[in-house]
C-alpha atoms as a PDB file:
ATOM      1  CA  MET A   1     -48.111 -34.218  35.848  1.00  0.00           C
ATOM      2  CA  THR A   2     -45.524 -32.278  34.177  1.00  0.00           C
ATOM      3  CA  ASP A   3     -41.850 -33.667  34.278  1.00  0.00           C
ATOM      4  CA  VAL A   4     -38.824 -31.115  34.553  1.00  0.00           C
ATOM      5  CA  PRO A   5     -35.264 -32.412  34.417  1.00  0.00           C
ATOM      6  CA  LEU A   6     -33.157 -30.055  36.601  1.00  0.00           C
ATOM      7  CA  ARG A   7     -29.915 -31.786  35.889  1.00  0.00           C
ATOM      8  CA  ASP A   8     -29.391 -35.018  34.224  1.00  0.00           C
ATOM      9  CA  PRO A   9     -32.792 -35.520  31.667  1.00  0.00           C
ATOM     10  CA  SER A  10     -32.339 -39.368  32.212  1.00  0.00           C
ATOM     11  CA  ARG A  11     -31.831 -39.253  35.785  1.00  0.00           C
ATOM     12  CA  LEU A  12     -33.534 -36.546  37.980  1.00  0.00           C
ATOM     13  CA  TYR A  13     -36.596 -35.123  37.261  1.00  0.00           C
ATOM     14  CA  VAL A  14     -39.287 -32.696  39.363  1.00  0.00           C
ATOM     15  CA  LYS A  15     -42.733 -33.542  38.820  1.00  0.00           C
ATOM     16  CA  PHE A  16     -45.746 -30.715  39.044  1.00  0.00           C
ATOM     17  CA  PRO A  17     -49.305 -30.685  38.737  1.00  0.00           C
ATOM     18  CA  THR A  18     -51.055 -29.375  35.612  1.00  0.00           C
ATOM     19  CA  THR A  19     -53.294 -27.216  37.628  1.00  0.00           C
ATOM     20  CA  LEU A  20     -53.673 -25.619  41.204  1.00  0.00           C
ATOM     21  CA  ALA A  21     -56.834 -26.680  43.161  1.00  0.00           C
ATOM     22  CA  ARG A  22     -58.725 -24.024  45.460  1.00  0.00           C
ATOM     23  CA  PRO A  23     -59.529 -24.880  48.772  1.00  0.00           C
ATOM     24  CA  VAL A  24     -63.124 -25.324  50.279  1.00  0.00           C
ATOM     25  CA  PHE A  25     -64.188 -21.829  51.154  1.00  0.00           C
ATOM     26  CA  ALA A  26     -63.927 -21.049  55.058  1.00  0.00           C
ATOM     27  CA  PRO A  27     -65.822 -18.057  56.258  1.00  0.00           C
ATOM     28  CA  ILE A  28     -63.992 -15.305  58.454  1.00  0.00           C
ATOM     29  CA  ASP A  29     -64.004 -15.961  61.830  1.00  0.00           C
ATOM     30  CA  CYS A  30     -65.981 -13.403  63.810  1.00  0.00           C
ATOM     31  CA  ASP A  31     -64.474 -14.186  67.099  1.00  0.00           C
ATOM     32  CA  SER A  32     -61.246 -13.345  65.920  1.00  0.00           C
ATOM     33  CA  LEU A  33     -62.711  -9.972  64.874  1.00  0.00           C
ATOM     34  CA  ALA A  34     -64.405  -9.683  68.365  1.00  0.00           C
ATOM     35  CA  ALA A  35     -61.689 -10.250  70.258  1.00  0.00           C
ATOM     36  CA  ILE A  36     -59.718  -7.154  68.428  1.00  0.00           C
ATOM     37  CA  ASN A  37     -63.173  -5.339  68.883  1.00  0.00           C
ATOM     38  CA  SER A  38     -66.302  -6.205  70.055  1.00  0.00           C
ATOM     39  CA  ASP A  39     -68.279  -3.813  67.509  1.00  0.00           C
ATOM     40  CA  LEU A  40     -66.232  -5.750  64.681  1.00  0.00           C
ATOM     41  CA  ALA A  41     -68.539  -8.789  64.958  1.00  0.00           C
ATOM     42  CA  LYS A  42     -71.628  -6.587  63.790  1.00  0.00           C
ATOM     43  CA  VAL A  43     -69.754  -5.282  60.757  1.00  0.00           C
ATOM     44  CA  ASP A  44     -70.319  -6.511  57.463  1.00  0.00           C
ATOM     45  CA  ILE A  45     -67.109  -8.509  56.220  1.00  0.00           C
ATOM     46  CA  GLY A  46     -67.174  -6.704  52.824  1.00  0.00           C
ATOM     47  CA  TYR A  47     -67.562  -3.237  54.192  1.00  0.00           C
ATOM     48  CA  LEU A  48     -64.917  -3.943  56.748  1.00  0.00           C
ATOM     49  CA  ARG A  49     -62.399  -4.854  54.009  1.00  0.00           C
ATOM     50  CA  GLU A  50     -63.205  -1.899  51.818  1.00  0.00           C
ATOM     51  CA  LYS A  51     -62.644   0.282  54.679  1.00  0.00           C
ATOM     52  CA  LEU A  52     -59.275  -1.078  55.396  1.00  0.00           C
ATOM     53  CA  GLN A  53     -58.418  -1.200  51.707  1.00  0.00           C
ATOM     54  CA  ALA A  54     -58.876   2.392  51.377  1.00  0.00           C
ATOM     55  CA  LYS A  55     -55.948   2.692  53.889  1.00  0.00           C
ATOM     56  CA  GLY A  56     -54.139  -0.576  53.578  1.00  0.00           C
ATOM     57  CA  ALA A  57     -51.219   0.910  51.409  1.00  0.00           C
ATOM     58  CA  SER A  58     -50.323   4.043  54.015  1.00  0.00           C
ATOM     59  CA  MET A  59     -50.648   1.218  56.848  1.00  0.00           C
ATOM     60  CA  LEU A  60     -47.948  -0.480  54.968  1.00  0.00           C
ATOM     61  CA  ALA A  61     -45.844   2.240  54.355  1.00  0.00           C
ATOM     62  CA  GLY A  62     -45.826   2.536  58.197  1.00  0.00           C
ATOM     63  CA  LEU A  63     -44.913  -0.839  58.955  1.00  0.00           C
ATOM     64  CA  GLU A  64     -41.949  -0.454  56.536  1.00  0.00           C
ATOM     65  CA  LYS A  65     -40.875   2.509  58.801  1.00  0.00           C
ATOM     66  CA  THR A  66     -40.457   0.347  61.864  1.00  0.00           C
ATOM     67  CA  LYS A  67     -37.559  -1.632  62.965  1.00  0.00           C
ATOM     68  CA  PRO A  68     -37.684  -4.428  65.789  1.00  0.00           C
ATOM     69  CA  VAL A  69     -34.959  -4.004  68.426  1.00  0.00           C
ATOM     70  CA  PRO A  70     -32.856  -7.068  68.523  1.00  0.00           C
ATOM     71  CA  ALA A  71     -33.837  -9.544  71.103  1.00  0.00           C
ATOM     72  CA  ASP A  72     -32.205 -12.771  72.054  1.00  0.00           C
ATOM     73  CA  GLY A  73     -34.228 -15.870  70.887  1.00  0.00           C
ATOM     74  CA  LEU A  74     -37.856 -15.617  70.120  1.00  0.00           C
ATOM     75  CA  PRO A  75     -39.321 -13.429  72.948  1.00  0.00           C
ATOM     76  CA  LYS A  76     -43.137 -13.168  73.862  1.00  0.00           C
ATOM     77  CA  GLU A  77     -42.962  -9.511  73.350  1.00  0.00           C
ATOM     78  CA  LEU A  78     -40.661  -7.496  71.682  1.00  0.00           C
ATOM     79  CA  ASP A  79     -39.693  -3.591  71.162  1.00  0.00           C
ATOM     80  CA  VAL A  80     -40.224  -1.933  67.751  1.00  0.00           C
ATOM     81  CA  VAL A  81     -38.950   1.481  66.783  1.00  0.00           C
ATOM     82  CA  ILE A  82     -41.563   3.771  65.279  1.00  0.00           C
ATOM     83  CA  ASN A  83     -40.152   6.178  62.706  1.00  0.00           C
ATOM     84  CA  ASP A  84     -43.345   8.012  61.248  1.00  0.00           C
ATOM     85  CA  LEU A  85     -45.890   9.237  63.632  1.00  0.00           C
ATOM     86  CA  SER A  86     -48.647   9.602  61.365  1.00  0.00           C
ATOM     87  CA  ALA A  87     -48.997   5.792  60.495  1.00  0.00           C
ATOM     88  CA  GLU A  88     -50.990   3.379  62.541  1.00  0.00           C
ATOM     89  CA  VAL A  89     -48.770   1.537  64.919  1.00  0.00           C
ATOM     90  CA  PRO A  90     -48.276  -2.379  64.582  1.00  0.00           C
ATOM     91  CA  THR A  91     -50.251  -4.304  66.934  1.00  0.00           C
ATOM     92  CA  HIS A  92     -48.094  -7.302  66.719  1.00  0.00           C
ATOM     93  CA  MET A  93     -45.133  -8.946  65.339  1.00  0.00           C
ATOM     94  CA  LEU A  94     -45.348 -12.111  63.463  1.00  0.00           C
ATOM     95  CA  ALA A  95     -42.443 -14.671  63.474  1.00  0.00           C
ATOM     96  CA  VAL A  96     -42.861 -16.506  60.212  1.00  0.00           C
ATOM     97  CA  TRP A  97     -41.212 -19.880  59.735  1.00  0.00           C
ATOM     98  CA  SER A  98     -41.685 -23.262  57.649  1.00  0.00           C
ATOM     99  CA  LYS A  99     -40.929 -26.780  58.098  1.00  0.00           C
ATOM    100  CA  GLU A 100     -38.807 -26.406  54.877  1.00  0.00           C
ATOM    101  CA  PRO A 101     -35.633 -28.087  54.938  1.00  0.00           C
ATOM    102  CA  HIS A 102     -32.765 -25.988  55.875  1.00  0.00           C
ATOM    103  CA  PRO A 103     -28.976 -26.803  56.532  1.00  0.00           C
ATOM    104  CA  ALA A 104     -28.354 -29.156  59.497  1.00  0.00           C
ATOM    105  CA  GLY A 105     -26.676 -27.531  62.840  1.00  0.00           C
ATOM    106  CA  GLN A 106     -28.029 -24.278  61.514  1.00  0.00           C
ATOM    107  CA  ARG A 107     -31.255 -22.213  63.505  1.00  0.00           C
ATOM    108  CA  ARG A 108     -34.304 -22.551  61.172  1.00  0.00           C
ATOM    109  CA  PRO A 109     -34.688 -19.137  59.512  1.00  0.00           C
ATOM    110  CA  VAL A 110     -37.540 -16.981  61.170  1.00  0.00           C
ATOM    111  CA  GLY A 111     -38.811 -13.929  59.271  1.00  0.00           C
ATOM    112  CA  LEU A 112     -40.258 -10.679  61.281  1.00  0.00           C
ATOM    113  CA  PHE A 113     -43.285  -8.810  59.893  1.00  0.00           C
ATOM    114  CA  PRO A 114     -44.928  -6.193  62.062  1.00  0.00           C
ATOM    115  CA  VAL A 115     -48.692  -6.391  61.257  1.00  0.00           C
ATOM    116  CA  HIS A 116     -51.981  -5.026  62.194  1.00  0.00           C
ATOM    117  CA  ASP A 117     -54.571  -7.705  63.902  1.00  0.00           C
ATOM    118  CA  VAL A 118     -57.493  -6.457  62.145  1.00  0.00           C
ATOM    119  CA  MET A 119     -55.861  -6.481  58.751  1.00  0.00           C
ATOM    120  CA  LEU A 120     -54.932 -10.173  59.204  1.00  0.00           C
ATOM    121  CA  ALA A 121     -58.372 -11.171  60.760  1.00  0.00           C
ATOM    122  CA  ALA A 122     -60.270  -9.657  58.103  1.00  0.00           C
ATOM    123  CA  ASN A 123     -58.934 -11.274  55.246  1.00  0.00           C
ATOM    124  CA  CYS A 124     -57.397 -14.558  56.908  1.00  0.00           C
ATOM    125  CA  ALA A 125     -60.207 -17.064  57.641  1.00  0.00           C
ATOM    126  CA  HIS A 126     -57.286 -19.855  59.370  1.00  0.00           C
ATOM    127  CA  LEU A 127     -55.015 -17.553  61.787  1.00  0.00           C
ATOM    128  CA  PRO A 128     -53.889 -18.729  65.398  1.00  0.00           C
ATOM    129  CA  ALA A 129     -55.173 -16.772  67.968  1.00  0.00           C
ATOM    130  CA  PHE A 130     -53.400 -13.380  68.638  1.00  0.00           C
ATOM    131  CA  PRO A 131     -52.986 -11.849  72.331  1.00  0.00           C
ATOM    132  CA  ALA A 132     -54.791  -8.923  72.902  1.00  0.00           C
ATOM    133  CA  SER A 133     -52.682  -5.798  72.058  1.00  0.00           C
ATOM    134  CA  ILE A 134     -53.484  -2.067  71.833  1.00  0.00           C
ATOM    135  CA  PRO A 135     -50.130  -0.501  72.159  1.00  0.00           C
ATOM    136  CA  PRO A 136     -49.976   3.140  73.147  1.00  0.00           C
ATOM    137  CA  PRO A 137     -48.848   5.817  70.553  1.00  0.00           C
ATOM    138  CA  PRO A 138     -45.277   6.600  70.720  1.00  0.00           C
ATOM    139  CA  LEU A 139     -44.938  10.774  71.245  1.00  0.00           C
ATOM    140  CA  THR A 140     -41.826  11.239  69.236  1.00  0.00           C
ATOM    141  CA  GLU A 141     -40.353   9.739  66.344  1.00  0.00           C
ATOM    142  CA  GLY A 142     -37.707   7.326  67.178  1.00  0.00           C
ATOM    143  CA  ASP A 143     -39.608   6.107  70.485  1.00  0.00           C
ATOM    144  CA  THR A 144     -40.517   2.550  70.755  1.00  0.00           C
ATOM    145  CA  ILE A 145     -43.652   0.425  71.633  1.00  0.00           C
ATOM    146  CA  ARG A 146     -43.925  -3.515  72.817  1.00  0.00           C
ATOM    147  CA  VAL A 147     -45.879  -5.659  70.614  1.00  0.00           C
ATOM    148  CA  PRO A 148     -46.471  -9.419  71.474  1.00  0.00           C
ATOM    149  CA  VAL A 149     -44.808 -11.705  69.168  1.00  0.00           C
ATOM    150  CA  VAL A 150     -47.007 -14.415  67.156  1.00  0.00           C
ATOM    151  CA  PRO A 151     -45.317 -17.316  65.804  1.00  0.00           C
ATOM    152  CA  LEU A 152     -46.514 -18.401  62.254  1.00  0.00           C
ATOM    153  CA  CYS A 153     -45.707 -21.510  60.568  1.00  0.00           C
ATOM    154  CA  VAL A 154     -46.670 -21.285  56.706  1.00  0.00           C
ATOM    155  CA  PRO A 155     -45.611 -23.474  54.218  1.00  0.00           C
ATOM    156  CA  HIS A 156     -43.674 -21.324  52.031  1.00  0.00           C
ATOM    157  CA  ARG A 157     -41.683 -18.607  54.389  1.00  0.00           C
ATOM    158  CA  ALA A 158     -39.971 -16.785  51.350  1.00  0.00           C
ATOM    159  CA  SER A 159     -43.441 -15.635  49.842  1.00  0.00           C
ATOM    160  CA  PHE A 160     -45.159 -14.587  52.853  1.00  0.00           C
ATOM    161  CA  GLY A 161     -44.155 -10.788  52.591  1.00  0.00           C
ATOM    162  CA  ILE A 162     -45.399 -10.725  48.962  1.00  0.00           C
ATOM    163  CA  LEU A 163     -48.843 -11.924  50.374  1.00  0.00           C
ATOM    164  CA  GLN A 164     -48.927  -9.598  53.461  1.00  0.00           C
ATOM    165  CA  ASN A 165     -48.238  -6.925  50.800  1.00  0.00           C
ATOM    166  CA  TYR A 166     -51.181  -7.883  48.781  1.00  0.00           C
ATOM    167  CA  ILE A 167     -53.601  -8.388  51.485  1.00  0.00           C
ATOM    168  CA  TYR A 168     -52.641  -4.634  52.462  1.00  0.00           C
ATOM    169  CA  THR A 169     -52.876  -3.176  49.074  1.00  0.00           C
ATOM    170  CA  ARG A 170     -54.620  -5.520  46.910  1.00  0.00           C
ATOM    171  CA  LYS A 171     -52.247  -4.638  43.790  1.00  0.00           C
ATOM    172  CA  ALA A 172     -52.677  -7.991  41.801  1.00  0.00           C
ATOM    173  CA  GLU A 173     -49.864  -6.645  39.675  1.00  0.00           C
ATOM    174  CA  LEU A 174     -47.147  -7.047  42.170  1.00  0.00           C
ATOM    175  CA  VAL A 175     -47.776 -10.426  43.030  1.00  0.00           C
ATOM    176  CA  LEU A 176     -47.702 -11.480  39.267  1.00  0.00           C
ATOM    177  CA  ALA A 177     -44.420  -9.479  38.798  1.00  0.00           C
ATOM    178  CA  HIS A 178     -43.290 -11.580  41.612  1.00  0.00           C
ATOM    179  CA  LEU A 179     -44.766 -15.374  40.307  1.00  0.00           C
ATOM    180  CA  ILE A 180     -43.659 -15.223  36.645  1.00  0.00           C
ATOM    181  CA  PRO A 181     -40.432 -14.572  34.475  1.00  0.00           C
ATOM    182  CA  LYS A 182     -40.689 -10.703  33.064  1.00  0.00           C
ATOM    183  CA  PRO A 183     -42.375 -10.848  29.679  1.00  0.00           C
ATOM    184  CA  PRO A 184     -40.494  -9.774  26.787  1.00  0.00           C
ATOM    185  CA  THR A 185     -41.711  -6.262  24.935  1.00  0.00           C
ATOM    186  CA  GLY A 186     -42.458  -5.959  21.647  1.00  0.00           C
ATOM    187  CA  VAL A 187     -43.626  -9.466  21.221  1.00  0.00           C
ATOM    188  CA  PRO A 188     -47.073 -10.465  20.059  1.00  0.00           C
ATOM    189  CA  ARG A 189     -48.984 -11.764  22.959  1.00  0.00           C
ATOM    190  CA  MET A 190     -49.865 -15.359  21.420  1.00  0.00           C
ATOM    191  CA  GLN A 191     -45.910 -15.472  21.318  1.00  0.00           C
ATOM    192  CA  VAL A 192     -45.003 -14.397  24.749  1.00  0.00           C
ATOM    193  CA  THR A 193     -44.701 -17.939  26.634  1.00  0.00           C
ATOM    194  CA  GLN A 194     -42.852 -19.329  23.662  1.00  0.00           C
ATOM    195  CA  VAL A 195     -40.315 -16.622  23.740  1.00  0.00           C
ATOM    196  CA  VAL A 196     -39.948 -17.134  27.522  1.00  0.00           C
ATOM    197  CA  GLY A 197     -39.907 -20.937  27.028  1.00  0.00           C
ATOM    198  CA  GLU A 198     -37.155 -20.582  24.565  1.00  0.00           C
ATOM    199  CA  SER A 199     -34.931 -18.061  26.608  1.00  0.00           C
ATOM    200  CA  LEU A 200     -34.784 -19.843  29.838  1.00  0.00           C
ATOM    201  CA  THR A 201     -33.909 -23.271  30.646  1.00  0.00           C
ATOM    202  CA  PRO A 202     -36.108 -26.041  32.307  1.00  0.00           C
ATOM    203  CA  ALA A 203     -34.343 -25.680  35.613  1.00  0.00           C
ATOM    204  CA  ALA A 204     -35.156 -21.728  35.674  1.00  0.00           C
ATOM    205  CA  LEU A 205     -38.792 -22.464  34.912  1.00  0.00           C
ATOM    206  CA  ALA A 206     -39.116 -24.845  37.293  1.00  0.00           C
ATOM    207  CA  THR A 207     -37.996 -22.305  40.082  1.00  0.00           C
ATOM    208  CA  TYR A 208     -40.602 -19.936  38.938  1.00  0.00           C
ATOM    209  CA  LEU A 209     -43.020 -23.001  39.761  1.00  0.00           C
ATOM    210  CA  MET A 210     -41.857 -23.841  43.053  1.00  0.00           C
ATOM    211  CA  ARG A 211     -42.290 -20.073  43.606  1.00  0.00           C
ATOM    212  CA  ILE A 212     -45.854 -20.137  42.629  1.00  0.00           C
ATOM    213  CA  HIS A 213     -46.398 -23.477  44.422  1.00  0.00           C
ATOM    214  CA  GLY A 214     -44.921 -21.911  47.870  1.00  0.00           C
ATOM    215  CA  PHE A 215     -47.288 -18.744  47.285  1.00  0.00           C
ATOM    216  CA  TRP A 216     -50.194 -20.777  46.456  1.00  0.00           C
ATOM    217  CA  SER A 217     -49.707 -23.223  49.401  1.00  0.00           C
ATOM    218  CA  ASN A 218     -49.532 -19.982  52.126  1.00  0.00           C
ATOM    219  CA  VAL A 219     -52.751 -18.529  50.402  1.00  0.00           C
ATOM    220  CA  CYS A 220     -54.601 -22.039  50.941  1.00  0.00           C
ATOM    221  CA  ALA A 221     -52.985 -22.322  54.721  1.00  0.00           C
ATOM    222  CA  LEU A 222     -54.241 -18.746  55.857  1.00  0.00           C
ATOM    223  CA  GLY A 223     -57.392 -18.802  54.331  1.00  0.00           C
ATOM    224  CA  VAL A 224     -57.232 -16.084  51.628  1.00  0.00           C
ATOM    225  CA  PHE A 225     -60.349 -16.158  49.409  1.00  0.00           C
ATOM    226  CA  ASP A 226     -59.937 -13.553  47.062  1.00  0.00           C
ATOM    227  CA  ASP A 227     -61.223 -13.768  43.450  1.00  0.00           C
ATOM    228  CA  ALA A 228     -58.884 -11.355  42.057  1.00  0.00           C
ATOM    229  CA  LEU A 229     -55.669 -12.980  43.964  1.00  0.00           C
ATOM    230  CA  TRP A 230     -56.824 -16.604  42.645  1.00  0.00           C
ATOM    231  CA  ARG A 231     -57.011 -15.445  39.040  1.00  0.00           C
ATOM    232  CA  VAL A 232     -53.206 -14.302  39.413  1.00  0.00           C
ATOM    233  CA  ILE A 233     -52.384 -17.564  40.707  1.00  0.00           C
ATOM    234  CA  ASP A 234     -54.219 -19.429  37.598  1.00  0.00           C
ATOM    235  CA  PHE A 235     -52.790 -17.014  35.204  1.00  0.00           C
ATOM    236  CA  ALA A 236     -48.776 -17.482  36.630  1.00  0.00           C
ATOM    237  CA  TRP A 237     -49.202 -21.211  36.932  1.00  0.00           C
ATOM    238  CA  GLY A 238     -50.749 -21.702  33.341  1.00  0.00           C
ATOM    239  CA  PHE A 239     -47.784 -19.009  31.899  1.00  0.00           C
ATOM    240  CA  VAL A 240     -45.214 -20.953  33.250  1.00  0.00           C
ATOM    241  CA  MET A 241     -46.755 -23.958  32.394  1.00  0.00           C
ATOM    242  CA  ASP A 242     -47.276 -23.310  28.818  1.00  0.00           C
ATOM    243  CA  ALA A 243     -43.553 -21.694  28.713  1.00  0.00           C
ATOM    244  CA  LEU A 244     -42.195 -25.100  29.577  1.00  0.00           C
ATOM    245  CA  LYS A 245     -43.912 -26.465  26.590  1.00  0.00           C
ATOM    246  CA  HIS A 246     -41.506 -24.366  24.377  1.00  0.00           C
ATOM    247  CA  ALA A 247     -38.037 -25.118  26.461  1.00  0.00           C
ATOM    248  CA  GLY A 248     -35.855 -26.751  23.965  1.00  0.00           C
ATOM    249  CA  ASN A 249     -35.417 -30.516  24.136  1.00  0.00           C
ATOM    250  CA  SER A 250     -35.808 -30.542  28.101  1.00  0.00           C
ATOM    251  CA  GLY A 251     -37.805 -34.110  28.046  1.00  0.00           C
ATOM    252  CA  VAL A 252     -40.682 -32.195  29.778  1.00  0.00           C
ATOM    253  CA  ARG A 253     -43.829 -34.604  29.879  1.00  0.00           C
ATOM    254  CA  VAL A 254     -47.284 -33.457  30.684  1.00  0.00           C
ATOM    255  CA  GLU A 255     -49.710 -36.066  32.184  1.00  0.00           C
ATOM    256  CA  GLY A 256     -53.338 -35.964  32.174  1.00  0.00           C
ATOM    257  CA  THR A 257     -55.076 -33.241  34.351  1.00  0.00           C
ATOM    258  CA  SER A 258     -53.863 -33.432  38.035  1.00  0.00           C
ATOM    259  CA  GLN A 259     -54.350 -30.972  40.720  1.00  0.00           C
ATOM    260  CA  ALA A 260     -52.132 -30.368  43.688  1.00  0.00           C
ATOM    261  CA  SER A 261     -54.276 -30.846  46.751  1.00  0.00           C
ATOM    262  CA  ALA A 262     -55.370 -27.973  48.279  1.00  0.00           C
ATOM    263  CA  GLN A 263     -55.232 -29.680  51.659  1.00  0.00           C
ATOM    264  CA  GLN A 264     -52.454 -27.897  53.516  1.00  0.00           C
END
């Protein structure tokens, strides 16, 4: 474990595992795909992902142009404004929340994310049941469609958006840019983590570790088994852990090779 002092090195430490474990592989639920379209249960999952990836960026761009109509509380259905008639309309609205501590007396934060059920079902082995949804296409820009709201509890709400982005685009470089400090330019590759560690405080580096850990927790919880994504997580964790070794007189201690459990 690595101990990172956040304030007084003599009194307050945050412990991090040396490595992050990968969960036991779980296959995609064919019943979830069949519930969307009975023909999908017969399609090879690799082929389906390849086809979805080819249009994933445009699907995500269409989602980014939608706008949920404000509603009181968290309804079972939500109206969504469609501003791009050329894009595939979302099938559901995820209401993403977590059990992370939040200020007493305040409502627990909930993030709304429009999604396409087939994209998530083809890439996430652990999902709640989605109600059937085939919204009619809008006729003009600015029209609304009504989609079911699906509550989704994840370990780390703040990093859900970057995981959704990866599922749609497969752009690992965007994930990495979110997880680690921006590497300095003009520095020999073997000295990058040293320069980063010497330029940031242990508390700042701990913030990046918590961000990576939260993202990793979401990947485990949703069952996203993607080798490229796991290589990014492993690299990001190792990068920041190595930077910590150069974080001045920080009192950082590395103990053994303990792993964080992948059981979420």
